[in-house]
Amino acid sequence: MKLKKNIATSEEGFIFNPGTGDSFSANPIGTDILSLLKEEKSLKSIVDTICAKYDVDQSQFEKDLDDFESQLKDNGILE
């Protein structure tokens, strides 16, 4: 999972795709995921980091991460 280079994100969860003009907002977990993606962290590292920070169930988070990845792909945020 890799963000497109032209995608702008903010610490508050704002996502802007200048290629389409679309903008989105993410919750705190989504914002952290985007930040980790910008750092080019592996999926395992993302799962480990989020599960530790938010004390969430790993198997549930992995399902949620798959859904989030699909949404990002559908909206042209990922390469």
PDB file of N, CA and C in Angstrom:
ATOM      1  N   MET A   1       0.866  -1.165   0.000  1.00  0.00           N
ATOM      2  CA  MET A   1       0.000   0.000   0.000  1.00  0.00           C
ATOM      3  C   MET A   1       0.914   1.230   0.000  1.00  0.00           C
ATOM      4  N   LYS A   2       0.722   2.102  -1.007  1.00  0.00           N
ATOM      5  CA  LYS A   2       1.579   3.275  -1.117  1.00  0.00           C
ATOM      6  C   LYS A   2       0.752   4.470  -1.592  1.00  0.00           C
ATOM      7  N   LEU A   3       0.904   5.593  -0.871  1.00  0.00           N
ATOM      8  CA  LEU A   3       0.215   6.817  -1.264  1.00  0.00           C
ATOM      9  C   LEU A   3       0.791   7.355  -2.566  1.00  0.00           C
ATOM     10  N   LYS A   4      -0.067   7.934  -3.398  1.00  0.00           N
ATOM     11  CA  LYS A   4       0.433   8.638  -4.575  1.00  0.00           C
ATOM     12  C   LYS A   4       1.233   9.844  -4.096  1.00  0.00           C
ATOM     13  N   LYS A   5       2.250  10.203  -4.839  1.00  0.00           N
ATOM     14  CA  LYS A   5       3.149  11.275  -4.423  1.00  0.00           C
ATOM     15  C   LYS A   5       2.473  12.639  -4.350  1.00  0.00           C
ATOM     16  N   ASN A   6       1.460  12.885  -5.163  1.00  0.00           N
ATOM     17  CA  ASN A   6       0.836  14.212  -5.196  1.00  0.00           C
ATOM     18  C   ASN A   6      -0.270  14.402  -4.148  1.00  0.00           C
ATOM     19  N   ILE A   7      -0.541  13.389  -3.350  1.00  0.00           N
ATOM     20  CA  ILE A   7      -1.613  13.466  -2.351  1.00  0.00           C
ATOM     21  C   ILE A   7      -1.143  14.297  -1.160  1.00  0.00           C
ATOM     22  N   ALA A   8      -1.958  15.271  -0.789  1.00  0.00           N
ATOM     23  CA  ALA A   8      -1.652  16.125   0.361  1.00  0.00           C
ATOM     24  C   ALA A   8      -2.481  15.661   1.559  1.00  0.00           C
ATOM     25  N   THR A   9      -1.830  15.560   2.704  1.00  0.00           N
ATOM     26  CA  THR A   9      -2.530  15.194   3.934  1.00  0.00           C
ATOM     27  C   THR A   9      -2.118  16.156   5.038  1.00  0.00           C
ATOM     28  N   SER A  10      -2.988  16.293   6.025  1.00  0.00           N
ATOM     29  CA  SER A  10      -2.663  17.137   7.171  1.00  0.00           C
ATOM     30  C   SER A  10      -2.726  16.313   8.443  1.00  0.00           C
ATOM     31  N   GLU A  11      -2.184  16.862   9.519  1.00  0.00           N
ATOM     32  CA  GLU A  11      -2.212  16.174  10.811  1.00  0.00           C
ATOM     33  C   GLU A  11      -3.626  16.062  11.364  1.00  0.00           C
ATOM     34  N   GLU A  12      -4.548  16.880  10.852  1.00  0.00           N
ATOM     35  CA  GLU A  12      -5.931  16.843  11.314  1.00  0.00           C
ATOM     36  C   GLU A  12      -6.782  15.845  10.541  1.00  0.00           C
ATOM     37  N   GLY A  13      -6.184  15.160   9.546  1.00  0.00           N
ATOM     38  CA  GLY A  13      -6.924  14.140   8.805  1.00  0.00           C
ATOM     39  C   GLY A  13      -7.491  14.596   7.484  1.00  0.00           C
ATOM     40  N   PHE A  14      -7.115  15.778   7.024  1.00  0.00           N
ATOM     41  CA  PHE A  14      -7.570  16.269   5.731  1.00  0.00           C
ATOM     42  C   PHE A  14      -6.737  15.626   4.630  1.00  0.00           C
ATOM     43  N   ILE A  15      -7.406  15.125   3.596  1.00  0.00           N
ATOM     44  CA  ILE A  15      -6.744  14.484   2.462  1.00  0.00           C
ATOM     45  C   ILE A  15      -7.189  15.205   1.203  1.00  0.00           C
ATOM     46  N   PHE A  16      -6.234  15.607   0.371  1.00  0.00           N
ATOM     47  CA  PHE A  16      -6.562  16.313  -0.863  1.00  0.00           C
ATOM     48  C   PHE A  16      -5.850  15.659  -2.034  1.00  0.00           C
ATOM     49  N   ASN A  17      -6.634  15.354  -3.068  1.00  0.00           N
ATOM     50  CA  ASN A  17      -6.098  14.792  -4.300  1.00  0.00           C
ATOM     51  C   ASN A  17      -6.117  15.891  -5.352  1.00  0.00           C
ATOM     52  N   PRO A  18      -4.970  16.539  -5.623  1.00  0.00           N
ATOM     53  CA  PRO A  18      -4.956  17.636  -6.590  1.00  0.00           C
ATOM     54  C   PRO A  18      -5.247  17.192  -8.019  1.00  0.00           C
ATOM     55  N   GLY A  19      -5.054  15.913  -8.297  1.00  0.00           N
ATOM     56  CA  GLY A  19      -5.336  15.400  -9.634  1.00  0.00           C
ATOM     57  C   GLY A  19      -6.822  15.422  -9.971  1.00  0.00           C
ATOM     58  N   THR A  20      -7.661  15.236  -8.956  1.00  0.00           N
ATOM     59  CA  THR A  20      -9.107  15.200  -9.179  1.00  0.00           C
ATOM     60  C   THR A  20      -9.832  16.381  -8.534  1.00  0.00           C
ATOM     61  N   GLY A  21      -9.156  17.039  -7.596  1.00  0.00           N
ATOM     62  CA  GLY A  21      -9.793  18.120  -6.838  1.00  0.00           C
ATOM     63  C   GLY A  21     -10.625  17.622  -5.676  1.00  0.00           C
ATOM     64  N   ASP A  22     -10.627  16.311  -5.450  1.00  0.00           N
ATOM     65  CA  ASP A  22     -11.415  15.726  -4.368  1.00  0.00           C
ATOM     66  C   ASP A  22     -10.702  15.897  -3.032  1.00  0.00           C
ATOM     67  N   SER A  23     -11.502  16.087  -1.991  1.00  0.00           N
ATOM     68  CA  SER A  23     -10.938  16.144  -0.641  1.00  0.00           C
ATOM     69  C   SER A  23     -11.753  15.238   0.268  1.00  0.00           C
ATOM     70  N   PHE A  24     -11.086  14.733   1.286  1.00  0.00           N
ATOM     71  CA  PHE A  24     -11.676  13.777   2.217  1.00  0.00           C
ATOM     72  C   PHE A  24     -11.185  14.093   3.618  1.00  0.00           C
ATOM     73  N   SER A  25     -11.831  13.506   4.600  1.00  0.00           N
ATOM     74  CA  SER A  25     -11.325  13.621   5.967  1.00  0.00           C
ATOM     75  C   SER A  25     -11.270  12.224   6.572  1.00  0.00           C
ATOM     76  N   ALA A  26     -10.286  12.039   7.446  1.00  0.00           N
ATOM     77  CA  ALA A  26     -10.096  10.750   8.100  1.00  0.00           C
ATOM     78  C   ALA A  26     -10.189  10.930   9.610  1.00  0.00           C
ATOM     79  N   ASN A  27     -10.611   9.876  10.286  1.00  0.00           N
ATOM     80  CA  ASN A  27     -10.630   9.898  11.749  1.00  0.00           C
ATOM     81  C   ASN A  27      -9.194   9.765  12.263  1.00  0.00           C
ATOM     82  N   PRO A  28      -8.976   9.840  13.581  1.00  0.00           N
ATOM     83  CA  PRO A  28      -7.599   9.770  14.105  1.00  0.00           C
ATOM     84  C   PRO A  28      -6.835   8.510  13.695  1.00  0.00           C
ATOM     85  N   ILE A  29      -7.494   7.370  13.671  1.00  0.00           N
ATOM     86  CA  ILE A  29      -6.793   6.151  13.259  1.00  0.00           C
ATOM     87  C   ILE A  29      -6.436   6.228  11.778  1.00  0.00           C
ATOM     88  N   GLY A  30      -7.360   6.683  10.957  1.00  0.00           N
ATOM     89  CA  GLY A  30      -7.080   6.853   9.534  1.00  0.00           C
ATOM     90  C   GLY A  30      -5.943   7.836   9.302  1.00  0.00           C
ATOM     91  N   THR A  31      -5.913   8.896  10.089  1.00  0.00           N
ATOM     92  CA  THR A  31      -4.846   9.886   9.985  1.00  0.00           C
ATOM     93  C   THR A  31      -3.499   9.260  10.330  1.00  0.00           C
ATOM     94  N   ASP A  32      -3.474   8.439  11.374  1.00  0.00           N
ATOM     95  CA  ASP A  32      -2.233   7.755  11.744  1.00  0.00           C
ATOM     96  C   ASP A  32      -1.799   6.776  10.655  1.00  0.00           C
ATOM     97  N   ILE A  33      -2.745   6.077  10.065  1.00  0.00           N
ATOM     98  CA  ILE A  33      -2.417   5.147   8.976  1.00  0.00           C
ATOM     99  C   ILE A  33      -1.794   5.912   7.814  1.00  0.00           C
ATOM    100  N   LEU A  34      -2.391   7.032   7.444  1.00  0.00           N
ATOM    101  CA  LEU A  34      -1.849   7.834   6.345  1.00  0.00           C
ATOM    102  C   LEU A  34      -0.441   8.323   6.658  1.00  0.00           C
ATOM    103  N   SER A  35      -0.224   8.733   7.888  1.00  0.00           N
ATOM    104  CA  SER A  35       1.103   9.182   8.303  1.00  0.00           C
ATOM    105  C   SER A  35       2.125   8.055   8.186  1.00  0.00           C
ATOM    106  N   LEU A  36       1.737   6.858   8.594  1.00  0.00           N
ATOM    107  CA  LEU A  36       2.623   5.704   8.486  1.00  0.00           C
ATOM    108  C   LEU A  36       2.875   5.329   7.027  1.00  0.00           C
ATOM    109  N   LEU A  37       1.866   5.481   6.187  1.00  0.00           N
ATOM    110  CA  LEU A  37       2.045   5.226   4.758  1.00  0.00           C
ATOM    111  C   LEU A  37       3.028   6.216   4.146  1.00  0.00           C
ATOM    112  N   LYS A  38       2.942   7.487   4.560  1.00  0.00           N
ATOM    113  CA  LYS A  38       3.880   8.497   4.061  1.00  0.00           C
ATOM    114  C   LYS A  38       5.314   8.144   4.445  1.00  0.00           C
ATOM    115  N   GLU A  39       5.473   7.489   5.595  1.00  0.00           N
ATOM    116  CA  GLU A  39       6.796   7.051   6.048  1.00  0.00           C
ATOM    117  C   GLU A  39       7.197   5.730   5.395  1.00  0.00           C
ATOM    118  N   GLU A  40       6.327   5.215   4.504  1.00  0.00           N
ATOM    119  CA  GLU A  40       6.546   3.969   3.776  1.00  0.00           C
ATOM    120  C   GLU A  40       6.749   2.764   4.705  1.00  0.00           C
ATOM    121  N   LYS A  41       5.957   2.751   5.781  1.00  0.00           N
ATOM    122  CA  LYS A  41       5.991   1.617   6.722  1.00  0.00           C
ATOM    123  C   LYS A  41       5.309   0.411   6.092  1.00  0.00           C
ATOM    124  N   SER A  42       5.722  -0.764   6.495  1.00  0.00           N
ATOM    125  CA  SER A  42       5.116  -1.999   6.007  1.00  0.00           C
ATOM    126  C   SER A  42       3.727  -2.171   6.630  1.00  0.00           C
ATOM    127  N   LEU A  43       2.926  -3.040   6.013  1.00  0.00           N
ATOM    128  CA  LEU A  43       1.603  -3.316   6.568  1.00  0.00           C
ATOM    129  C   LEU A  43       1.707  -3.887   7.975  1.00  0.00           C
ATOM    130  N   LYS A  44       2.686  -4.760   8.190  1.00  0.00           N
ATOM    131  CA  LYS A  44       2.868  -5.339   9.528  1.00  0.00           C
ATOM    132  C   LYS A  44       3.192  -4.242  10.537  1.00  0.00           C
ATOM    133  N   SER A  45       4.032  -3.317  10.160  1.00  0.00           N
ATOM    134  CA  SER A  45       4.395  -2.221  11.046  1.00  0.00           C
ATOM    135  C   SER A  45       3.183  -1.337  11.343  1.00  0.00           C
ATOM    136  N   ILE A  46       2.362  -1.098  10.331  1.00  0.00           N
ATOM    137  CA  ILE A  46       1.146  -0.300  10.527  1.00  0.00           C
ATOM    138  C   ILE A  46       0.215  -1.009  11.505  1.00  0.00           C
ATOM    139  N   VAL A  47       0.004  -2.298  11.294  1.00  0.00           N
ATOM    140  CA  VAL A  47      -0.868  -3.068  12.179  1.00  0.00           C
ATOM    141  C   VAL A  47      -0.334  -3.041  13.607  1.00  0.00           C
ATOM    142  N   ASP A  48       0.948  -3.309  13.767  1.00  0.00           N
ATOM    143  CA  ASP A  48       1.543  -3.330  15.110  1.00  0.00           C
ATOM    144  C   ASP A  48       1.432  -1.971  15.796  1.00  0.00           C
ATOM    145  N   THR A  49       1.723  -0.904  15.061  1.00  0.00           N
ATOM    146  CA  THR A  49       1.692   0.444  15.633  1.00  0.00           C
ATOM    147  C   THR A  49       0.286   0.840  16.056  1.00  0.00           C
ATOM    148  N   ILE A  50      -0.683   0.639  15.187  1.00  0.00           N
ATOM    149  CA  ILE A  50      -2.063   1.048  15.486  1.00  0.00           C
ATOM    150  C   ILE A  50      -2.649   0.203  16.610  1.00  0.00           C
ATOM    151  N   CYS A  51      -2.408  -1.100  16.580  1.00  0.00           N
ATOM    152  CA  CYS A  51      -2.953  -1.977  17.631  1.00  0.00           C
ATOM    153  C   CYS A  51      -2.377  -1.613  18.998  1.00  0.00           C
ATOM    154  N   ALA A  52      -1.105  -1.250  19.049  1.00  0.00           N
ATOM    155  CA  ALA A  52      -0.494  -0.861  20.314  1.00  0.00           C
ATOM    156  C   ALA A  52      -0.997   0.494  20.788  1.00  0.00           C
ATOM    157  N   LYS A  53      -1.106   1.437  19.879  1.00  0.00           N
ATOM    158  CA  LYS A  53      -1.498   2.803  20.257  1.00  0.00           C
ATOM    159  C   LYS A  53      -2.956   2.861  20.702  1.00  0.00           C
ATOM    160  N   TYR A  54      -3.835   2.159  20.001  1.00  0.00           N
ATOM    161  CA  TYR A  54      -5.268   2.267  20.265  1.00  0.00           C
ATOM    162  C   TYR A  54      -5.848   1.068  20.999  1.00  0.00           C
ATOM    163  N   ASP A  55      -5.032   0.075  21.334  1.00  0.00           N
ATOM    164  CA  ASP A  55      -5.500  -1.112  22.045  1.00  0.00           C
ATOM    165  C   ASP A  55      -6.720  -1.719  21.352  1.00  0.00           C
ATOM    166  N   VAL A  56      -6.569  -1.972  20.043  1.00  0.00           N
ATOM    167  CA  VAL A  56      -7.638  -2.585  19.265  1.00  0.00           C
ATOM    168  C   VAL A  56      -7.292  -4.043  18.968  1.00  0.00           C
ATOM    169  N   ASP A  57      -8.311  -4.840  18.701  1.00  0.00           N
ATOM    170  CA  ASP A  57      -8.133  -6.235  18.344  1.00  0.00           C
ATOM    171  C   ASP A  57      -7.462  -6.329  16.975  1.00  0.00           C
ATOM    172  N   GLN A  58      -6.377  -7.084  16.897  1.00  0.00           N
ATOM    173  CA  GLN A  58      -5.598  -7.151  15.667  1.00  0.00           C
ATOM    174  C   GLN A  58      -6.396  -7.698  14.493  1.00  0.00           C
ATOM    175  N   SER A  59      -7.122  -8.774  14.679  1.00  0.00           N
ATOM    176  CA  SER A  59      -7.866  -9.360  13.551  1.00  0.00           C
ATOM    177  C   SER A  59      -8.951  -8.407  13.056  1.00  0.00           C
ATOM    178  N   GLN A  60      -9.618  -7.707  13.968  1.00  0.00           N
ATOM    179  CA  GLN A  60     -10.625  -6.734  13.558  1.00  0.00           C
ATOM    180  C   GLN A  60      -9.971  -5.552  12.833  1.00  0.00           C
ATOM    181  N   PHE A  61      -8.838  -5.095  13.368  1.00  0.00           N
ATOM    182  CA  PHE A  61      -8.166  -3.975  12.723  1.00  0.00           C
ATOM    183  C   PHE A  61      -7.687  -4.348  11.317  1.00  0.00           C
ATOM    184  N   GLU A  62      -7.186  -5.571  11.141  1.00  0.00           N
ATOM    185  CA  GLU A  62      -6.734  -5.996   9.814  1.00  0.00           C
ATOM    186  C   GLU A  62      -7.888  -5.952   8.807  1.00  0.00           C
ATOM    187  N   LYS A  63      -9.089  -6.346   9.236  1.00  0.00           N
ATOM    188  CA  LYS A  63     -10.270  -6.262   8.369  1.00  0.00           C
ATOM    189  C   LYS A  63     -10.597  -4.799   8.061  1.00  0.00           C
ATOM    190  N   ASP A  64     -10.548  -3.967   9.093  1.00  0.00           N
ATOM    191  CA  ASP A  64     -10.829  -2.546   8.904  1.00  0.00           C
ATOM    192  C   ASP A  64      -9.787  -1.891   8.000  1.00  0.00           C
ATOM    193  N   LEU A  65      -8.541  -2.303   8.136  1.00  0.00           N
ATOM    194  CA  LEU A  65      -7.469  -1.768   7.293  1.00  0.00           C
ATOM    195  C   LEU A  65      -7.691  -2.152   5.836  1.00  0.00           C
ATOM    196  N   ASP A  66      -8.152  -3.381   5.589  1.00  0.00           N
ATOM    197  CA  ASP A  66      -8.477  -3.794   4.218  1.00  0.00           C
ATOM    198  C   ASP A  66      -9.579  -2.916   3.636  1.00  0.00           C
ATOM    199  N   ASP A  67     -10.605  -2.631   4.445  1.00  0.00           N
ATOM    200  CA  ASP A  67     -11.690  -1.759   3.985  1.00  0.00           C
ATOM    201  C   ASP A  67     -11.180  -0.350   3.695  1.00  0.00           C
ATOM    202  N   PHE A  68     -10.324   0.174   4.581  1.00  0.00           N
ATOM    203  CA  PHE A  68      -9.766   1.506   4.410  1.00  0.00           C
ATOM    204  C   PHE A  68      -8.909   1.565   3.146  1.00  0.00           C
ATOM    205  N   GLU A  69      -8.119   0.513   2.918  1.00  0.00           N
ATOM    206  CA  GLU A  69      -7.291   0.437   1.714  1.00  0.00           C
ATOM    207  C   GLU A  69      -8.176   0.460   0.464  1.00  0.00           C
ATOM    208  N   SER A  70      -9.274  -0.266   0.475  1.00  0.00           N
ATOM    209  CA  SER A  70     -10.194  -0.282  -0.662  1.00  0.00           C
ATOM    210  C   SER A  70     -10.769   1.105  -0.923  1.00  0.00           C
ATOM    211  N   GLN A  71     -11.139   1.807   0.141  1.00  0.00           N
ATOM    212  CA  GLN A  71     -11.672   3.159  -0.003  1.00  0.00           C
ATOM    213  C   GLN A  71     -10.618   4.109  -0.590  1.00  0.00           C
ATOM    214  N   LEU A  72      -9.378   3.987  -0.110  1.00  0.00           N
ATOM    215  CA  LEU A  72      -8.306   4.832  -0.625  1.00  0.00           C
ATOM    216  C   LEU A  72      -8.058   4.536  -2.119  1.00  0.00           C
ATOM    217  N   LYS A  73      -8.070   3.273  -2.490  1.00  0.00           N
ATOM    218  CA  LYS A  73      -7.888   2.901  -3.892  1.00  0.00           C
ATOM    219  C   LYS A  73      -9.029   3.426  -4.747  1.00  0.00           C
ATOM    220  N   ASP A  74     -10.267   3.240  -4.269  1.00  0.00           N
ATOM    221  CA  ASP A  74     -11.434   3.682  -5.026  1.00  0.00           C
ATOM    222  C   ASP A  74     -11.430   5.194  -5.267  1.00  0.00           C
ATOM    223  N   ASN A  75     -10.800   5.939  -4.349  1.00  0.00           N
ATOM    224  CA  ASN A  75     -10.769   7.394  -4.466  1.00  0.00           C
ATOM    225  C   ASN A  75      -9.463   7.923  -5.041  1.00  0.00           C
ATOM    226  N   GLY A  76      -8.631   7.026  -5.583  1.00  0.00           N
ATOM    227  CA  GLY A  76      -7.410   7.443  -6.263  1.00  0.00           C
ATOM    228  C   GLY A  76      -6.328   7.986  -5.356  1.00  0.00           C
ATOM    229  N   ILE A  77      -6.313   7.554  -4.092  1.00  0.00           N
ATOM    230  CA  ILE A  77      -5.320   8.039  -3.128  1.00  0.00           C
ATOM    231  C   ILE A  77      -4.064   7.162  -3.140  1.00  0.00           C
ATOM    232  N   LEU A  78      -4.226   5.895  -3.482  1.00  0.00           N
ATOM    233  CA  LEU A  78      -3.099   4.963  -3.501  1.00  0.00           C
ATOM    234  C   LEU A  78      -2.635   4.711  -4.928  1.00  0.00           C
ATOM    235  N   GLU A  79      -1.334   4.360  -5.032  1.00  0.00           N
ATOM    236  CA  GLU A  79      -0.786   3.979  -6.343  1.00  0.00           C
ATOM    237  C   GLU A  79      -1.260   2.606  -6.717  1.00  0.00           C
TER     238      GLU A  79
END
